[in-house]
Amino acid sequence: MYELEAPPANPELKELVVEASRALALLDAPRLEELAVSCEALNRNLDAMGADEKKELARQAREAQADMSVLKRVLEATRANQNVMRRLREMRERRLEYDERMIRGMAEPNAESENPDGDD
């Protein structure tokens, strides 16, 4: 696992994207949260950036384009896996409910099925 460390003051966008892909693939939620905070800070600072800083960020975005495509595919696969897991969980819950009803039905037979003639 990763040790918690302060992120670099101004990491390259490509580094953020590569690390996000790696953290997502490893299901490293704490690291993903740290990276999300870094991205939020980057977006918040866009308005305050000067022309040179925006130009530098545009360069970084161009260089990170291939890595962003990889991250996009990892996110899509993760989302698809999450949907499959949700459907499997729902199916399992329905099966458990059905099994419980079957067990209760066998443990508590109604009087008519035990003695169809009504005679004791």
N, C-alpha and C. Protein backbone atom coordinates (compact mmCIF):
# COMPACT_ATOMS: atom_id res chain seq x y z
N MET A 1 0.84 -1.18 0.00
CA MET A 1 0.00 0.00 0.00
C MET A 1 0.88 1.25 0.00
N TYR A 2 0.28 2.37 -0.30
CA TYR A 2 1.00 3.62 -0.31
C TYR A 2 1.06 4.20 1.09
N GLU A 3 2.18 4.85 1.40
CA GLU A 3 2.25 5.60 2.63
C GLU A 3 1.71 6.99 2.31
N LEU A 4 1.00 7.57 3.28
CA LEU A 4 0.46 8.90 3.06
C LEU A 4 1.61 9.90 3.05
N GLU A 5 1.66 10.68 2.02
CA GLU A 5 2.69 11.69 1.92
C GLU A 5 2.07 12.90 1.25
N ALA A 6 2.61 14.04 1.53
CA ALA A 6 2.09 15.26 0.94
C ALA A 6 2.36 15.24 -0.56
N PRO A 7 1.31 15.52 -1.36
CA PRO A 7 1.53 15.54 -2.81
C PRO A 7 2.42 16.71 -3.19
N PRO A 8 3.14 16.59 -4.30
CA PRO A 8 3.98 17.71 -4.74
C PRO A 8 3.13 18.96 -4.91
N ALA A 9 3.74 20.10 -4.72
CA ALA A 9 3.01 21.36 -4.78
C ALA A 9 2.31 21.56 -6.12
N ASN A 10 2.97 21.20 -7.21
CA ASN A 10 2.39 21.39 -8.52
C ASN A 10 2.79 20.22 -9.42
N PRO A 11 2.18 19.05 -9.21
CA PRO A 11 2.58 17.89 -10.01
C PRO A 11 2.15 18.06 -11.46
N GLU A 12 2.87 17.40 -12.33
CA GLU A 12 2.49 17.39 -13.73
C GLU A 12 1.14 16.68 -13.86
N LEU A 13 0.30 17.17 -14.72
CA LEU A 13 -1.02 16.58 -14.94
C LEU A 13 -0.89 15.12 -15.32
N LYS A 14 0.09 14.80 -16.15
CA LYS A 14 0.31 13.42 -16.58
C LYS A 14 0.56 12.52 -15.38
N GLU A 15 1.35 13.00 -14.41
CA GLU A 15 1.63 12.21 -13.21
C GLU A 15 0.34 11.94 -12.43
N LEU A 16 -0.52 12.95 -12.33
CA LEU A 16 -1.80 12.78 -11.63
C LEU A 16 -2.66 11.72 -12.31
N VAL A 17 -2.72 11.78 -13.62
CA VAL A 17 -3.55 10.85 -14.38
C VAL A 17 -3.02 9.42 -14.28
N VAL A 18 -1.71 9.27 -14.42
CA VAL A 18 -1.10 7.93 -14.32
C VAL A 18 -1.34 7.37 -12.92
N GLU A 19 -1.13 8.18 -11.90
CA GLU A 19 -1.32 7.71 -10.54
C GLU A 19 -2.80 7.39 -10.27
N ALA A 20 -3.71 8.17 -10.83
CA ALA A 20 -5.14 7.88 -10.67
C ALA A 20 -5.50 6.54 -11.30
N SER A 21 -4.96 6.27 -12.48
CA SER A 21 -5.21 4.98 -13.13
C SER A 21 -4.68 3.84 -12.28
N ARG A 22 -3.48 4.01 -11.76
CA ARG A 22 -2.86 2.97 -10.93
C ARG A 22 -3.68 2.76 -9.65
N ALA A 23 -4.07 3.84 -8.99
CA ALA A 23 -4.84 3.73 -7.75
C ALA A 23 -6.19 3.08 -8.00
N LEU A 24 -6.81 3.42 -9.11
CA LEU A 24 -8.10 2.83 -9.45
C LEU A 24 -7.96 1.34 -9.73
N ALA A 25 -6.92 0.98 -10.46
CA ALA A 25 -6.69 -0.43 -10.76
C ALA A 25 -6.43 -1.23 -9.49
N LEU A 26 -5.77 -0.59 -8.52
CA LEU A 26 -5.47 -1.26 -7.25
C LEU A 26 -6.59 -1.08 -6.23
N LEU A 27 -7.63 -0.35 -6.63
CA LEU A 27 -8.75 -0.03 -5.73
C LEU A 27 -8.24 0.63 -4.45
N ASP A 28 -7.33 1.59 -4.63
CA ASP A 28 -6.73 2.32 -3.52
C ASP A 28 -7.56 3.58 -3.27
N ALA A 29 -8.65 3.43 -2.53
CA ALA A 29 -9.59 4.52 -2.31
C ALA A 29 -8.95 5.73 -1.64
N PRO A 30 -8.13 5.56 -0.59
CA PRO A 30 -7.54 6.75 0.03
C PRO A 30 -6.69 7.57 -0.96
N ARG A 31 -5.92 6.88 -1.80
CA ARG A 31 -5.09 7.60 -2.76
C ARG A 31 -5.96 8.27 -3.82
N LEU A 32 -7.03 7.62 -4.24
CA LEU A 32 -7.94 8.23 -5.21
C LEU A 32 -8.56 9.51 -4.63
N GLU A 33 -8.90 9.47 -3.36
CA GLU A 33 -9.46 10.67 -2.72
C GLU A 33 -8.45 11.80 -2.71
N GLU A 34 -7.17 11.49 -2.39
CA GLU A 34 -6.12 12.51 -2.41
C GLU A 34 -5.98 13.12 -3.80
N LEU A 35 -6.00 12.26 -4.82
CA LEU A 35 -5.86 12.75 -6.19
C LEU A 35 -7.06 13.60 -6.60
N ALA A 36 -8.24 13.22 -6.15
CA ALA A 36 -9.44 14.01 -6.46
C ALA A 36 -9.32 15.40 -5.85
N VAL A 37 -8.80 15.49 -4.64
CA VAL A 37 -8.60 16.79 -3.98
C VAL A 37 -7.60 17.62 -4.79
N SER A 38 -6.54 16.98 -5.28
CA SER A 38 -5.55 17.70 -6.10
C SER A 38 -6.19 18.24 -7.37
N CYS A 39 -7.03 17.42 -8.01
CA CYS A 39 -7.70 17.86 -9.24
C CYS A 39 -8.68 18.99 -8.96
N GLU A 40 -9.39 18.90 -7.85
CA GLU A 40 -10.31 19.98 -7.49
C GLU A 40 -9.54 21.29 -7.28
N ALA A 41 -8.41 21.22 -6.59
CA ALA A 41 -7.59 22.41 -6.36
C ALA A 41 -7.11 22.98 -7.69
N LEU A 42 -6.71 22.12 -8.59
CA LEU A 42 -6.24 22.56 -9.90
C LEU A 42 -7.36 23.30 -10.63
N ASN A 43 -8.57 22.73 -10.61
CA ASN A 43 -9.71 23.38 -11.27
C ASN A 43 -10.09 24.69 -10.60
N ARG A 44 -9.99 24.74 -9.29
CA ARG A 44 -10.33 25.96 -8.55
C ARG A 44 -9.38 27.08 -8.91
N ASN A 45 -8.13 26.74 -9.17
CA ASN A 45 -7.11 27.75 -9.44
C ASN A 45 -7.09 28.22 -10.89
N LEU A 46 -7.89 27.63 -11.75
CA LEU A 46 -7.85 28.00 -13.17
C LEU A 46 -8.13 29.48 -13.40
N ASP A 47 -9.12 30.02 -12.71
CA ASP A 47 -9.48 31.43 -12.91
C ASP A 47 -8.36 32.38 -12.47
N ALA A 48 -7.61 31.97 -11.46
CA ALA A 48 -6.55 32.83 -10.93
C ALA A 48 -5.25 32.70 -11.71
N MET A 49 -5.17 31.75 -12.62
CA MET A 49 -3.92 31.52 -13.37
C MET A 49 -3.70 32.61 -14.39
N GLY A 50 -2.43 32.93 -14.57
CA GLY A 50 -2.05 33.86 -15.61
C GLY A 50 -1.95 33.14 -16.94
N ALA A 51 -1.70 33.88 -17.99
CA ALA A 51 -1.62 33.32 -19.34
C ALA A 51 -0.51 32.27 -19.45
N ASP A 52 0.64 32.53 -18.84
CA ASP A 52 1.76 31.57 -18.91
C ASP A 52 1.39 30.27 -18.20
N GLU A 53 0.73 30.38 -17.05
CA GLU A 53 0.35 29.17 -16.31
C GLU A 53 -0.69 28.36 -17.09
N LYS A 54 -1.62 29.05 -17.72
CA LYS A 54 -2.63 28.35 -18.52
C LYS A 54 -1.99 27.67 -19.73
N LYS A 55 -1.01 28.34 -20.31
CA LYS A 55 -0.29 27.76 -21.44
C LYS A 55 0.45 26.50 -21.00
N GLU A 56 1.07 26.55 -19.82
CA GLU A 56 1.78 25.39 -19.28
C GLU A 56 0.80 24.25 -19.00
N LEU A 57 -0.35 24.56 -18.45
CA LEU A 57 -1.35 23.53 -18.17
C LEU A 57 -1.87 22.91 -19.47
N ALA A 58 -2.02 23.72 -20.50
CA ALA A 58 -2.45 23.20 -21.81
C ALA A 58 -1.40 22.23 -22.35
N ARG A 59 -0.12 22.57 -22.19
CA ARG A 59 0.95 21.67 -22.61
C ARG A 59 0.87 20.35 -21.86
N GLN A 60 0.67 20.44 -20.54
CA GLN A 60 0.57 19.23 -19.73
C GLN A 60 -0.63 18.37 -20.17
N ALA A 61 -1.74 19.01 -20.48
CA ALA A 61 -2.93 18.28 -20.91
C ALA A 61 -2.66 17.54 -22.22
N ARG A 62 -1.96 18.20 -23.14
CA ARG A 62 -1.62 17.54 -24.41
C ARG A 62 -0.73 16.32 -24.15
N GLU A 63 0.26 16.48 -23.28
CA GLU A 63 1.18 15.38 -22.97
C GLU A 63 0.48 14.23 -22.24
N ALA A 64 -0.55 14.55 -21.49
CA ALA A 64 -1.25 13.53 -20.69
C ALA A 64 -2.42 12.90 -21.44
N GLN A 65 -2.64 13.29 -22.67
CA GLN A 65 -3.81 12.85 -23.42
C GLN A 65 -3.92 11.32 -23.50
N ALA A 66 -2.83 10.64 -23.82
CA ALA A 66 -2.87 9.17 -23.92
C ALA A 66 -3.17 8.55 -22.55
N ASP A 67 -2.57 9.09 -21.51
CA ASP A 67 -2.81 8.57 -20.16
C ASP A 67 -4.25 8.83 -19.71
N MET A 68 -4.79 9.96 -20.13
CA MET A 68 -6.20 10.25 -19.81
C MET A 68 -7.12 9.26 -20.51
N SER A 69 -6.76 8.85 -21.70
CA SER A 69 -7.56 7.83 -22.41
C SER A 69 -7.53 6.50 -21.66
N VAL A 70 -6.36 6.16 -21.14
CA VAL A 70 -6.25 4.92 -20.34
C VAL A 70 -7.11 5.04 -19.10
N LEU A 71 -7.02 6.17 -18.40
CA LEU A 71 -7.83 6.38 -17.20
C LEU A 71 -9.32 6.29 -17.53
N LYS A 72 -9.71 6.85 -18.66
CA LYS A 72 -11.11 6.79 -19.07
C LYS A 72 -11.56 5.33 -19.24
N ARG A 73 -10.73 4.53 -19.89
CA ARG A 73 -11.08 3.12 -20.08
C ARG A 73 -11.14 2.37 -18.75
N VAL A 74 -10.21 2.67 -17.85
CA VAL A 74 -10.22 2.03 -16.53
C VAL A 74 -11.49 2.43 -15.78
N LEU A 75 -11.86 3.70 -15.85
CA LEU A 75 -13.09 4.17 -15.19
C LEU A 75 -14.32 3.48 -15.78
N GLU A 76 -14.36 3.36 -17.10
CA GLU A 76 -15.50 2.69 -17.74
C GLU A 76 -15.58 1.22 -17.33
N ALA A 77 -14.43 0.55 -17.29
CA ALA A 77 -14.42 -0.86 -16.88
C ALA A 77 -14.83 -1.00 -15.42
N THR A 78 -14.36 -0.08 -14.60
CA THR A 78 -14.73 -0.12 -13.18
C THR A 78 -16.23 0.10 -13.02
N ARG A 79 -16.77 1.04 -13.77
CA ARG A 79 -18.21 1.32 -13.71
C ARG A 79 -19.00 0.09 -14.17
N ALA A 80 -18.54 -0.56 -15.24
CA ALA A 80 -19.22 -1.76 -15.73
C ALA A 80 -19.15 -2.87 -14.69
N ASN A 81 -17.98 -3.05 -14.07
CA ASN A 81 -17.83 -4.07 -13.02
C ASN A 81 -18.74 -3.76 -11.84
N GLN A 82 -18.84 -2.50 -11.52
CA GLN A 82 -19.70 -2.10 -10.40
C GLN A 82 -21.17 -2.42 -10.72
N ASN A 83 -21.58 -2.20 -11.95
CA ASN A 83 -22.96 -2.52 -12.35
C ASN A 83 -23.21 -4.02 -12.27
N VAL A 84 -22.23 -4.82 -12.71
CA VAL A 84 -22.37 -6.27 -12.63
C VAL A 84 -22.47 -6.70 -11.17
N MET A 85 -21.61 -6.17 -10.32
CA MET A 85 -21.64 -6.53 -8.90
C MET A 85 -22.97 -6.14 -8.26
N ARG A 86 -23.52 -5.00 -8.64
CA ARG A 86 -24.82 -4.57 -8.10
C ARG A 86 -25.91 -5.55 -8.53
N ARG A 87 -25.90 -5.94 -9.81
CA ARG A 87 -26.91 -6.89 -10.29
C ARG A 87 -26.78 -8.25 -9.61
N LEU A 88 -25.54 -8.71 -9.42
CA LEU A 88 -25.33 -9.98 -8.72
C LEU A 88 -25.81 -9.90 -7.27
N ARG A 89 -25.55 -8.78 -6.61
CA ARG A 89 -26.01 -8.60 -5.23
C ARG A 89 -27.53 -8.62 -5.17
N GLU A 90 -28.18 -7.94 -6.13
CA GLU A 90 -29.65 -7.93 -6.17
C GLU A 90 -30.19 -9.34 -6.40
N MET A 91 -29.56 -10.08 -7.31
CA MET A 91 -30.01 -11.46 -7.58
C MET A 91 -29.85 -12.31 -6.33
N ARG A 92 -28.73 -12.15 -5.64
CA ARG A 92 -28.47 -12.92 -4.43
C ARG A 92 -29.51 -12.59 -3.35
N GLU A 93 -29.82 -11.30 -3.20
CA GLU A 93 -30.82 -10.90 -2.20
C GLU A 93 -32.18 -11.50 -2.53
N ARG A 94 -32.55 -11.49 -3.80
CA ARG A 94 -33.84 -12.09 -4.19
C ARG A 94 -33.84 -13.59 -3.90
N ARG A 95 -32.70 -14.25 -4.19
CA ARG A 95 -32.60 -15.68 -3.94
C ARG A 95 -32.70 -15.97 -2.44
N LEU A 96 -32.04 -15.14 -1.61
CA LEU A 96 -32.11 -15.34 -0.17
C LEU A 96 -33.53 -15.15 0.35
N GLU A 97 -34.23 -14.14 -0.19
CA GLU A 97 -35.63 -13.94 0.21
C GLU A 97 -36.47 -15.14 -0.19
N TYR A 98 -36.26 -15.67 -1.38
CA TYR A 98 -37.00 -16.83 -1.85
C TYR A 98 -36.70 -18.03 -0.96
N ASP A 99 -35.40 -18.24 -0.66
CA ASP A 99 -35.01 -19.36 0.21
C ASP A 99 -35.66 -19.24 1.58
N GLU A 100 -35.69 -18.04 2.13
CA GLU A 100 -36.31 -17.84 3.45
C GLU A 100 -37.79 -18.19 3.40
N ARG A 101 -38.47 -17.77 2.35
CA ARG A 101 -39.90 -18.10 2.23
C ARG A 101 -40.10 -19.60 2.11
N MET A 102 -39.21 -20.25 1.36
CA MET A 102 -39.32 -21.71 1.21
C MET A 102 -39.10 -22.40 2.55
N ILE A 103 -38.11 -21.95 3.30
CA ILE A 103 -37.81 -22.56 4.61
C ILE A 103 -38.99 -22.33 5.55
N ARG A 104 -39.50 -21.12 5.59
CA ARG A 104 -40.65 -20.84 6.45
C ARG A 104 -41.85 -21.66 6.02
N GLY A 105 -42.01 -21.82 4.73
CA GLY A 105 -43.13 -22.60 4.21
C GLY A 105 -43.05 -24.06 4.63
N MET A 106 -41.85 -24.61 4.67
CA MET A 106 -41.68 -26.00 5.08
C MET A 106 -41.80 -26.13 6.60
N ALA A 107 -41.35 -25.12 7.34
CA ALA A 107 -41.39 -25.19 8.80
C ALA A 107 -42.78 -24.90 9.34
N GLU A 108 -43.58 -24.16 8.58
CA GLU A 108 -44.92 -23.78 9.03
C GLU A 108 -45.96 -24.20 7.99
N PRO A 109 -46.17 -25.48 7.81
CA PRO A 109 -47.17 -25.90 6.80
C PRO A 109 -48.56 -25.47 7.26
N ASN A 110 -49.40 -25.13 6.30
CA ASN A 110 -50.74 -24.73 6.70
C ASN A 110 -51.58 -25.96 7.02
N ALA A 111 -52.59 -25.79 7.76
CA ALA A 111 -53.39 -26.91 8.28
C ALA A 111 -54.04 -27.70 7.16
N GLU A 112 -54.45 -27.05 6.08
CA GLU A 112 -55.14 -27.75 4.99
C GLU A 112 -54.21 -28.73 4.29
N SER A 113 -52.94 -28.40 4.12
CA SER A 113 -52.04 -29.31 3.42
C SER A 113 -51.66 -30.49 4.29
N GLU A 114 -51.67 -30.32 5.61
CA GLU A 114 -51.35 -31.45 6.51
C GLU A 114 -52.48 -32.45 6.55
N ASN A 115 -53.70 -31.95 6.57
CA ASN A 115 -54.86 -32.83 6.73
C ASN A 115 -55.92 -32.40 5.75
N PRO A 116 -55.82 -32.82 4.51
CA PRO A 116 -56.74 -32.35 3.47
C PRO A 116 -58.19 -32.73 3.73
N ASP A 117 -58.46 -33.82 4.48
CA ASP A 117 -59.85 -34.23 4.74
C ASP A 117 -60.50 -33.43 5.85
N GLY A 118 -59.71 -32.75 6.63
CA GLY A 118 -60.25 -32.03 7.74
C GLY A 118 -60.43 -32.92 8.97
N ASP A 119 -60.11 -34.20 8.86
CA ASP A 119 -60.23 -35.12 10.00
C ASP A 119 -58.95 -35.10 10.79
N ASP A 120 -59.08 -35.24 12.10
CA ASP A 120 -57.88 -35.33 12.97
C ASP A 120 -57.60 -36.71 13.36
